[in-house]
PDB file of all heavy atoms in Angstrom:
ATOM      1  N   ARG A   1      46.155  42.716   6.696  1.00  0.00           N
ATOM      2  CA  ARG A   1      47.477  42.671   7.328  1.00  0.00           C
ATOM      3  C   ARG A   1      47.591  43.789   8.366  1.00  0.00           C
ATOM      4  O   ARG A   1      48.147  43.585   9.455  1.00  0.00           O
ATOM      5  CB  ARG A   1      48.576  42.792   6.275  1.00  0.00           C
ATOM      6  CG  ARG A   1      48.571  41.667   5.250  1.00  0.00           C
ATOM      7  CD  ARG A   1      49.900  41.537   4.528  1.00  0.00           C
ATOM      8  NE  ARG A   1      50.360  42.743   3.872  1.00  0.00           N
ATOM      9  CZ  ARG A   1      50.024  43.126   2.641  1.00  0.00           C
ATOM     10  NH1 ARG A   1      49.180  42.377   1.928  1.00  0.00           N
ATOM     11  NH2 ARG A   1      50.506  44.236   2.108  1.00  0.00           N
ATOM     12  N   ARG A   2      47.075  44.938   8.016  1.00  0.00           N
ATOM     13  CA  ARG A   2      47.107  46.058   8.967  1.00  0.00           C
ATOM     14  C   ARG A   2      46.294  45.709  10.218  1.00  0.00           C
ATOM     15  O   ARG A   2      46.703  46.006  11.351  1.00  0.00           O
ATOM     16  CB  ARG A   2      46.528  47.310   8.292  1.00  0.00           C
ATOM     17  CG  ARG A   2      46.295  48.496   9.217  1.00  0.00           C
ATOM     18  CD  ARG A   2      47.583  49.104   9.692  1.00  0.00           C
ATOM     19  NE  ARG A   2      47.349  50.154  10.664  1.00  0.00           N
ATOM     20  CZ  ARG A   2      47.189  51.433  10.354  1.00  0.00           C
ATOM     21  NH1 ARG A   2      47.226  51.835   9.095  1.00  0.00           N
ATOM     22  NH2 ARG A   2      47.002  52.324  11.310  1.00  0.00           N
ATOM     23  N   ALA A   3      45.153  45.075  10.029  1.00  0.00           N
ATOM     24  CA  ALA A   3      44.317  44.684  11.179  1.00  0.00           C
ATOM     25  C   ALA A   3      45.027  43.650  12.040  1.00  0.00           C
ATOM     26  O   ALA A   3      44.916  43.668  13.275  1.00  0.00           O
ATOM     27  CB  ALA A   3      42.982  44.153  10.690  1.00  0.00           C
ATOM     28  N   SER A   4      45.757  42.739  11.408  1.00  0.00           N
ATOM     29  CA  SER A   4      46.482  41.730  12.189  1.00  0.00           C
ATOM     30  C   SER A   4      47.614  42.378  12.985  1.00  0.00           C
ATOM     31  O   SER A   4      47.905  41.970  14.117  1.00  0.00           O
ATOM     32  CB  SER A   4      47.026  40.633  11.271  1.00  0.00           C
ATOM     33  OG  SER A   4      48.045  41.125  10.425  1.00  0.00           O
ATOM     34  N   VAL A   5      48.242  43.397  12.415  1.00  0.00           N
ATOM     35  CA  VAL A   5      49.274  44.140  13.133  1.00  0.00           C
ATOM     36  C   VAL A   5      48.661  44.830  14.359  1.00  0.00           C
ATOM     37  O   VAL A   5      49.243  44.827  15.452  1.00  0.00           O
ATOM     38  CB  VAL A   5      49.932  45.177  12.195  1.00  0.00           C
ATOM     39  CG1 VAL A   5      50.697  46.228  12.992  1.00  0.00           C
ATOM     40  CG2 VAL A   5      50.873  44.472  11.222  1.00  0.00           C
ATOM     41  N   THR A   6      47.481  45.403  14.188  1.00  0.00           N
ATOM     42  CA  THR A   6      46.780  46.026  15.314  1.00  0.00           C
ATOM     43  C   THR A   6      46.493  45.007  16.412  1.00  0.00           C
ATOM     44  O   THR A   6      46.656  45.288  17.604  1.00  0.00           O
ATOM     45  CB  THR A   6      45.462  46.661  14.837  1.00  0.00           C
ATOM     46  OG1 THR A   6      45.743  47.645  13.842  1.00  0.00           O
ATOM     47  CG2 THR A   6      44.716  47.308  15.992  1.00  0.00           C
ATOM     48  N   ALA A   7      46.080  43.817  15.998  1.00  0.00           N
ATOM     49  CA  ALA A   7      45.796  42.753  16.969  1.00  0.00           C
ATOM     50  C   ALA A   7      47.056  42.342  17.726  1.00  0.00           C
ATOM     51  O   ALA A   7      47.034  42.169  18.954  1.00  0.00           O
ATOM     52  CB  ALA A   7      45.188  41.549  16.254  1.00  0.00           C
ATOM     53  N   LEU A   8      48.154  42.167  17.015  1.00  0.00           N
ATOM     54  CA  LEU A   8      49.412  41.792  17.657  1.00  0.00           C
ATOM     55  C   LEU A   8      49.894  42.886  18.604  1.00  0.00           C
ATOM     56  O   LEU A   8      50.427  42.603  19.678  1.00  0.00           O
ATOM     57  CB  LEU A   8      50.474  41.521  16.596  1.00  0.00           C
ATOM     58  CG  LEU A   8      50.248  40.266  15.732  1.00  0.00           C
ATOM     59  CD1 LEU A   8      51.172  40.295  14.521  1.00  0.00           C
ATOM     60  CD2 LEU A   8      50.475  39.000  16.547  1.00  0.00           C
ATOM     61  N   SER A   9      49.671  44.130  18.226  1.00  0.00           N
ATOM     62  CA  SER A   9      50.075  45.255  19.078  1.00  0.00           C
ATOM     63  C   SER A   9      49.280  45.268  20.370  1.00  0.00           C
ATOM     64  O   SER A   9      49.766  45.727  21.412  1.00  0.00           O
ATOM     65  CB  SER A   9      49.885  46.578  18.330  1.00  0.00           C
ATOM     66  OG  SER A   9      50.616  46.588  17.122  1.00  0.00           O
ATOM     67  N   ALA A  10      48.053  44.796  20.309  1.00  0.00           N
ATOM     68  CA  ALA A  10      47.221  44.733  21.515  1.00  0.00           C
ATOM     69  C   ALA A  10      47.589  43.543  22.391  1.00  0.00           C
ATOM     70  O   ALA A  10      47.566  43.642  23.624  1.00  0.00           O
ATOM     71  CB  ALA A  10      45.747  44.641  21.121  1.00  0.00           C
ATOM     72  N   ARG A  11      47.937  42.419  21.779  1.00  0.00           N
ATOM     73  CA  ARG A  11      48.234  41.212  22.545  1.00  0.00           C
ATOM     74  C   ARG A  11      49.544  41.322  23.302  1.00  0.00           C
ATOM     75  O   ARG A  11      49.650  40.966  24.470  1.00  0.00           O
ATOM     76  CB  ARG A  11      48.309  39.991  21.616  1.00  0.00           C
ATOM     77  CG  ARG A  11      46.976  39.498  21.102  1.00  0.00           C
ATOM     78  CD  ARG A  11      47.155  38.173  20.382  1.00  0.00           C
ATOM     79  NE  ARG A  11      47.520  37.110  21.284  1.00  0.00           N
ATOM     80  CZ  ARG A  11      46.659  36.431  22.045  1.00  0.00           C
ATOM     81  NH1 ARG A  11      45.373  36.722  22.015  1.00  0.00           N
ATOM     82  NH2 ARG A  11      47.074  35.465  22.832  1.00  0.00           N
ATOM     83  N   GLY A  12      50.585  41.782  22.616  1.00  0.00           N
ATOM     84  CA  GLY A  12      51.889  41.852  23.247  1.00  0.00           C
ATOM     85  C   GLY A  12      52.519  40.481  23.403  1.00  0.00           C
ATOM     86  O   GLY A  12      52.013  39.471  22.898  1.00  0.00           O
ATOM     87  N   GLY A  13      53.641  40.441  24.106  1.00  0.00           N
ATOM     88  CA  GLY A  13      54.362  39.196  24.304  1.00  0.00           C
ATOM     89  C   GLY A  13      55.437  38.991  23.241  1.00  0.00           C
ATOM     90  O   GLY A  13      55.381  39.577  22.151  1.00  0.00           O
ATOM     91  N   PRO A  14      56.433  38.159  23.526  1.00  0.00           N
ATOM     92  CA  PRO A  14      57.541  37.937  22.599  1.00  0.00           C
ATOM     93  C   PRO A  14      57.109  37.469  21.213  1.00  0.00           C
ATOM     94  O   PRO A  14      57.679  37.906  20.202  1.00  0.00           O
ATOM     95  CB  PRO A  14      58.381  36.869  23.309  1.00  0.00           C
ATOM     96  CG  PRO A  14      58.070  37.050  24.762  1.00  0.00           C
ATOM     97  CD  PRO A  14      56.627  37.439  24.809  1.00  0.00           C
ATOM     98  N   ALA A  15      56.114  36.594  21.128  1.00  0.00           N
ATOM     99  CA  ALA A  15      55.673  36.090  19.823  1.00  0.00           C
ATOM    100  C   ALA A  15      55.088  37.218  18.977  1.00  0.00           C
ATOM    101  O   ALA A  15      55.319  37.290  17.762  1.00  0.00           O
ATOM    102  CB  ALA A  15      54.645  34.977  20.013  1.00  0.00           C
ATOM    103  N   SER A  16      54.324  38.088  19.607  1.00  0.00           N
ATOM    104  CA  SER A  16      53.755  39.218  18.871  1.00  0.00           C
ATOM    105  C   SER A  16      54.846  40.167  18.395  1.00  0.00           C
ATOM    106  O   SER A  16      54.800  40.672  17.267  1.00  0.00           O
ATOM    107  CB  SER A  16      52.756  39.974  19.754  1.00  0.00           C
ATOM    108  OG  SER A  16      51.613  39.187  20.016  1.00  0.00           O
ATOM    109  N   VAL A  17      55.848  40.406  19.238  1.00  0.00           N
ATOM    110  CA  VAL A  17      56.934  41.303  18.854  1.00  0.00           C
ATOM    111  C   VAL A  17      57.674  40.745  17.641  1.00  0.00           C
ATOM    112  O   VAL A  17      58.000  41.477  16.696  1.00  0.00           O
ATOM    113  CB  VAL A  17      57.908  41.507  20.030  1.00  0.00           C
ATOM    114  CG1 VAL A  17      59.157  42.263  19.563  1.00  0.00           C
ATOM    115  CG2 VAL A  17      57.225  42.276  21.162  1.00  0.00           C
ATOM    116  N   ALA A  18      57.925  39.433  17.648  1.00  0.00           N
ATOM    117  CA  ALA A  18      58.633  38.815  16.521  1.00  0.00           C
ATOM    118  C   ALA A  18      57.860  38.990  15.223  1.00  0.00           C
ATOM    119  O   ALA A  18      58.442  39.285  14.167  1.00  0.00           O
ATOM    120  CB  ALA A  18      58.864  37.334  16.812  1.00  0.00           C
ATOM    121  N   SER A  19      56.552  38.826  15.284  1.00  0.00           N
ATOM    122  CA  SER A  19      55.730  38.995  14.085  1.00  0.00           C
ATOM    123  C   SER A  19      55.674  40.446  13.635  1.00  0.00           C
ATOM    124  O   SER A  19      55.683  40.748  12.434  1.00  0.00           O
ATOM    125  CB  SER A  19      54.312  38.472  14.350  1.00  0.00           C
ATOM    126  OG  SER A  19      54.334  37.077  14.590  1.00  0.00           O
ATOM    127  N   LEU A  20      55.610  41.369  14.584  1.00  0.00           N
ATOM    128  CA  LEU A  20      55.594  42.784  14.243  1.00  0.00           C
ATOM    129  C   LEU A  20      56.911  43.195  13.581  1.00  0.00           C
ATOM    130  O   LEU A  20      56.922  43.962  12.614  1.00  0.00           O
ATOM    131  CB  LEU A  20      55.350  43.629  15.495  1.00  0.00           C
ATOM    132  CG  LEU A  20      53.935  43.576  16.073  1.00  0.00           C
ATOM    133  CD1 LEU A  20      53.893  44.275  17.432  1.00  0.00           C
ATOM    134  CD2 LEU A  20      52.932  44.206  15.125  1.00  0.00           C
ATOM    135  N   ARG A  21      57.995  42.652  14.084  1.00  0.00           N
ATOM    136  CA  ARG A  21      59.286  42.979  13.471  1.00  0.00           C
ATOM    137  C   ARG A  21      59.336  42.461  12.032  1.00  0.00           C
ATOM    138  O   ARG A  21      59.816  43.153  11.134  1.00  0.00           O
ATOM    139  CB  ARG A  21      60.422  42.384  14.290  1.00  0.00           C
ATOM    140  CG  ARG A  21      61.757  42.627  13.620  1.00  0.00           C
ATOM    141  CD  ARG A  21      62.932  42.162  14.425  1.00  0.00           C
ATOM    142  NE  ARG A  21      64.155  42.368  13.660  1.00  0.00           N
ATOM    143  CZ  ARG A  21      65.367  42.172  14.147  1.00  0.00           C
ATOM    144  NH1 ARG A  21      65.525  41.781  15.394  1.00  0.00           N
ATOM    145  NH2 ARG A  21      66.433  42.376  13.383  1.00  0.00           N
ATOM    146  N   TRP A  22      58.844  41.257  11.842  1.00  0.00           N
ATOM    147  CA  TRP A  22      58.819  40.696  10.486  1.00  0.00           C
ATOM    148  C   TRP A  22      58.009  41.596   9.562  1.00  0.00           C
ATOM    149  O   TRP A  22      58.427  41.882   8.434  1.00  0.00           O
ATOM    150  CB  TRP A  22      58.228  39.292  10.524  1.00  0.00           C
ATOM    151  CG  TRP A  22      58.120  38.665   9.164  1.00  0.00           C
ATOM    152  CD1 TRP A  22      59.081  37.972   8.488  1.00  0.00           C
ATOM    153  CD2 TRP A  22      56.981  38.702   8.290  1.00  0.00           C
ATOM    154  NE1 TRP A  22      58.631  37.573   7.261  1.00  0.00           N
ATOM    155  CE2 TRP A  22      57.341  38.011   7.106  1.00  0.00           C
ATOM    156  CE3 TRP A  22      55.703  39.240   8.394  1.00  0.00           C
ATOM    157  CZ2 TRP A  22      56.451  37.848   6.040  1.00  0.00           C
ATOM    158  CZ3 TRP A  22      54.825  39.092   7.333  1.00  0.00           C
ATOM    159  CH2 TRP A  22      55.191  38.409   6.168  1.00  0.00           C
ATOM    160  N   ALA A  23      56.848  42.051  10.036  1.00  0.00           N
ATOM    161  CA  ALA A  23      56.006  42.920   9.214  1.00  0.00           C
ATOM    162  C   ALA A  23      56.699  44.246   8.920  1.00  0.00           C
ATOM    163  O   ALA A  23      56.620  44.774   7.812  1.00  0.00           O
ATOM    164  CB  ALA A  23      54.670  43.162   9.915  1.00  0.00           C
ATOM    165  N   ALA A  24      57.380  44.798   9.914  1.00  0.00           N
ATOM    166  CA  ALA A  24      58.070  46.073   9.720  1.00  0.00           C
ATOM    167  C   ALA A  24      59.174  45.960   8.684  1.00  0.00           C
ATOM    168  O   ALA A  24      59.450  46.896   7.933  1.00  0.00           O
ATOM    169  CB  ALA A  24      58.645  46.559  11.048  1.00  0.00           C
ATOM    170  N   GLU A  25      59.814  44.808   8.625  1.00  0.00           N
ATOM    171  CA  GLU A  25      60.930  44.615   7.701  1.00  0.00           C
ATOM    172  C   GLU A  25      60.487  44.163   6.311  1.00  0.00           C
ATOM    173  O   GLU A  25      61.082  44.563   5.307  1.00  0.00           O
ATOM    174  CB  GLU A  25      61.913  43.589   8.274  1.00  0.00           C
ATOM    175  CG  GLU A  25      62.667  44.073   9.492  1.00  0.00           C
ATOM    176  CD  GLU A  25      63.637  43.036  10.021  1.00  0.00           C
ATOM    177  OE1 GLU A  25      63.210  41.867  10.207  1.00  0.00           O
ATOM    178  OE2 GLU A  25      64.797  43.371  10.250  1.00  0.00           O
ATOM    179  N   ALA A  26      59.431  43.329   6.270  1.00  0.00           N
ATOM    180  CA  ALA A  26      59.148  42.612   5.027  1.00  0.00           C
ATOM    181  C   ALA A  26      57.875  43.009   4.311  1.00  0.00           C
ATOM    182  O   ALA A  26      57.721  42.701   3.127  1.00  0.00           O
ATOM    183  CB  ALA A  26      59.107  41.100   5.323  1.00  0.00           C
ATOM    184  N   ASP A  27      56.929  43.679   4.983  1.00  0.00           N
ATOM    185  CA  ASP A  27      55.653  43.926   4.314  1.00  0.00           C
ATOM    186  C   ASP A  27      55.830  44.911   3.155  1.00  0.00           C
ATOM    187  O   ASP A  27      56.617  45.866   3.226  1.00  0.00           O
ATOM    188  CB  ASP A  27      54.624  44.470   5.308  1.00  0.00           C
ATOM    189  CG  ASP A  27      53.202  44.272   4.811  1.00  0.00           C
ATOM    190  OD1 ASP A  27      52.745  45.119   4.002  1.00  0.00           O
ATOM    191  OD2 ASP A  27      52.565  43.293   5.199  1.00  0.00           O
ATOM    192  N   ALA A  28      55.062  44.676   2.101  1.00  0.00           N
ATOM    193  CA  ALA A  28      55.153  45.525   0.905  1.00  0.00           C
ATOM    194  C   ALA A  28      54.453  46.863   1.089  1.00  0.00           C
ATOM    195  O   ALA A  28      54.705  47.804   0.332  1.00  0.00           O
ATOM    196  CB  ALA A  28      54.547  44.788  -0.289  1.00  0.00           C
ATOM    197  N   SER A  29      53.570  46.973   2.076  1.00  0.00           N
ATOM    198  CA  SER A  29      52.799  48.201   2.284  1.00  0.00           C
ATOM    199  C   SER A  29      53.495  49.119   3.282  1.00  0.00           C
ATOM    200  O   SER A  29      53.817  48.719   4.404  1.00  0.00           O
ATOM    201  CB  SER A  29      51.394  47.848   2.798  1.00  0.00           C
ATOM    202  OG  SER A  29      50.748  48.982   3.318  1.00  0.00           O
ATOM    203  N   THR A  30      53.707  50.358   2.878  1.00  0.00           N
ATOM    204  CA  THR A  30      54.299  51.348   3.781  1.00  0.00           C
ATOM    205  C   THR A  30      53.426  51.540   5.013  1.00  0.00           C
ATOM    206  O   THR A  30      53.927  51.685   6.138  1.00  0.00           O
ATOM    207  CB  THR A  30      54.469  52.699   3.056  1.00  0.00           C
ATOM    208  OG1 THR A  30      55.284  52.508   1.905  1.00  0.00           O
ATOM    209  CG2 THR A  30      55.097  53.733   3.973  1.00  0.00           C
ATOM    210  N   GLU A  31      52.123  51.526   4.809  1.00  0.00           N
ATOM    211  CA  GLU A  31      51.191  51.726   5.918  1.00  0.00           C
ATOM    212  C   GLU A  31      51.287  50.591   6.925  1.00  0.00           C
ATOM    213  O   GLU A  31      51.281  50.814   8.140  1.00  0.00           O
ATOM    214  CB  GLU A  31      49.761  51.837   5.384  1.00  0.00           C
ATOM    215  CG  GLU A  31      48.738  52.193   6.448  1.00  0.00           C
ATOM    216  CD  GLU A  31      47.335  52.306   5.891  1.00  0.00           C
ATOM    217  OE1 GLU A  31      46.904  51.358   5.213  1.00  0.00           O
ATOM    218  OE2 GLU A  31      46.689  53.338   6.127  1.00  0.00           O
ATOM    219  N   VAL A  32      51.397  49.353   6.439  1.00  0.00           N
ATOM    220  CA  VAL A  32      51.502  48.203   7.333  1.00  0.00           C
ATOM    221  C   VAL A  32      52.835  48.240   8.078  1.00  0.00           C
ATOM    222  O   VAL A  32      52.899  47.973   9.286  1.00  0.00           O
ATOM    223  CB  VAL A  32      51.343  46.881   6.554  1.00  0.00           C
ATOM    224  CG1 VAL A  32      51.592  45.682   7.470  1.00  0.00           C
ATOM    225  CG2 VAL A  32      49.942  46.789   5.951  1.00  0.00           C
ATOM    226  N   ARG A  33      53.905  48.588   7.363  1.00  0.00           N
ATOM    227  CA  ARG A  33      55.213  48.663   8.028  1.00  0.00           C
ATOM    228  C   ARG A  33      55.207  49.709   9.132  1.00  0.00           C
ATOM    229  O   ARG A  33      55.732  49.480  10.227  1.00  0.00           O
ATOM    230  CB  ARG A  33      56.308  48.990   6.994  1.00  0.00           C
ATOM    231  CG  ARG A  33      56.579  47.881   6.003  1.00  0.00           C
ATOM    232  CD  ARG A  33      57.929  48.077   5.310  1.00  0.00           C
ATOM    233  NE  ARG A  33      58.040  49.376   4.642  1.00  0.00           N
ATOM    234  CZ  ARG A  33      57.684  49.607   3.386  1.00  0.00           C
ATOM    235  NH1 ARG A  33      57.181  48.610   2.647  1.00  0.00           N
ATOM    236  NH2 ARG A  33      57.827  50.804   2.842  1.00  0.00           N
ATOM    237  N   GLN A  34      54.592  50.848   8.869  1.00  0.00           N
ATOM    238  CA  GLN A  34      54.530  51.894   9.885  1.00  0.00           C
ATOM    239  C   GLN A  34      53.677  51.454  11.066  1.00  0.00           C
ATOM    240  O   GLN A  34      54.007  51.733  12.229  1.00  0.00           O
ATOM    241  CB  GLN A  34      53.965  53.189   9.294  1.00  0.00           C
ATOM    242  CG  GLN A  34      53.960  54.367  10.264  1.00  0.00           C
ATOM    243  CD  GLN A  34      55.335  54.713  10.774  1.00  0.00           C
ATOM    244  OE1 GLN A  34      56.270  54.877  10.007  1.00  0.00           O
ATOM    245  NE2 GLN A  34      55.470  54.825  12.099  1.00  0.00           N
ATOM    246  N   ALA A  35      52.583  50.763  10.783  1.00  0.00           N
ATOM    247  CA  ALA A  35      51.728  50.264  11.872  1.00  0.00           C
ATOM    248  C   ALA A  35      52.488  49.270  12.745  1.00  0.00           C
ATOM    249  O   ALA A  35      52.335  49.257  13.971  1.00  0.00           O
ATOM    250  CB  ALA A  35      50.480  49.613  11.290  1.00  0.00           C
TER     251      ALA A  35
END
């Protein structure tokens, strides 16, 4: 999950932002949320 967050951060675009927001709000891992 952390690696996928890194990938989305590199890609950019509205779809990536939406997924990153979901991860920041919902992921169970503090590390993933921070990423």
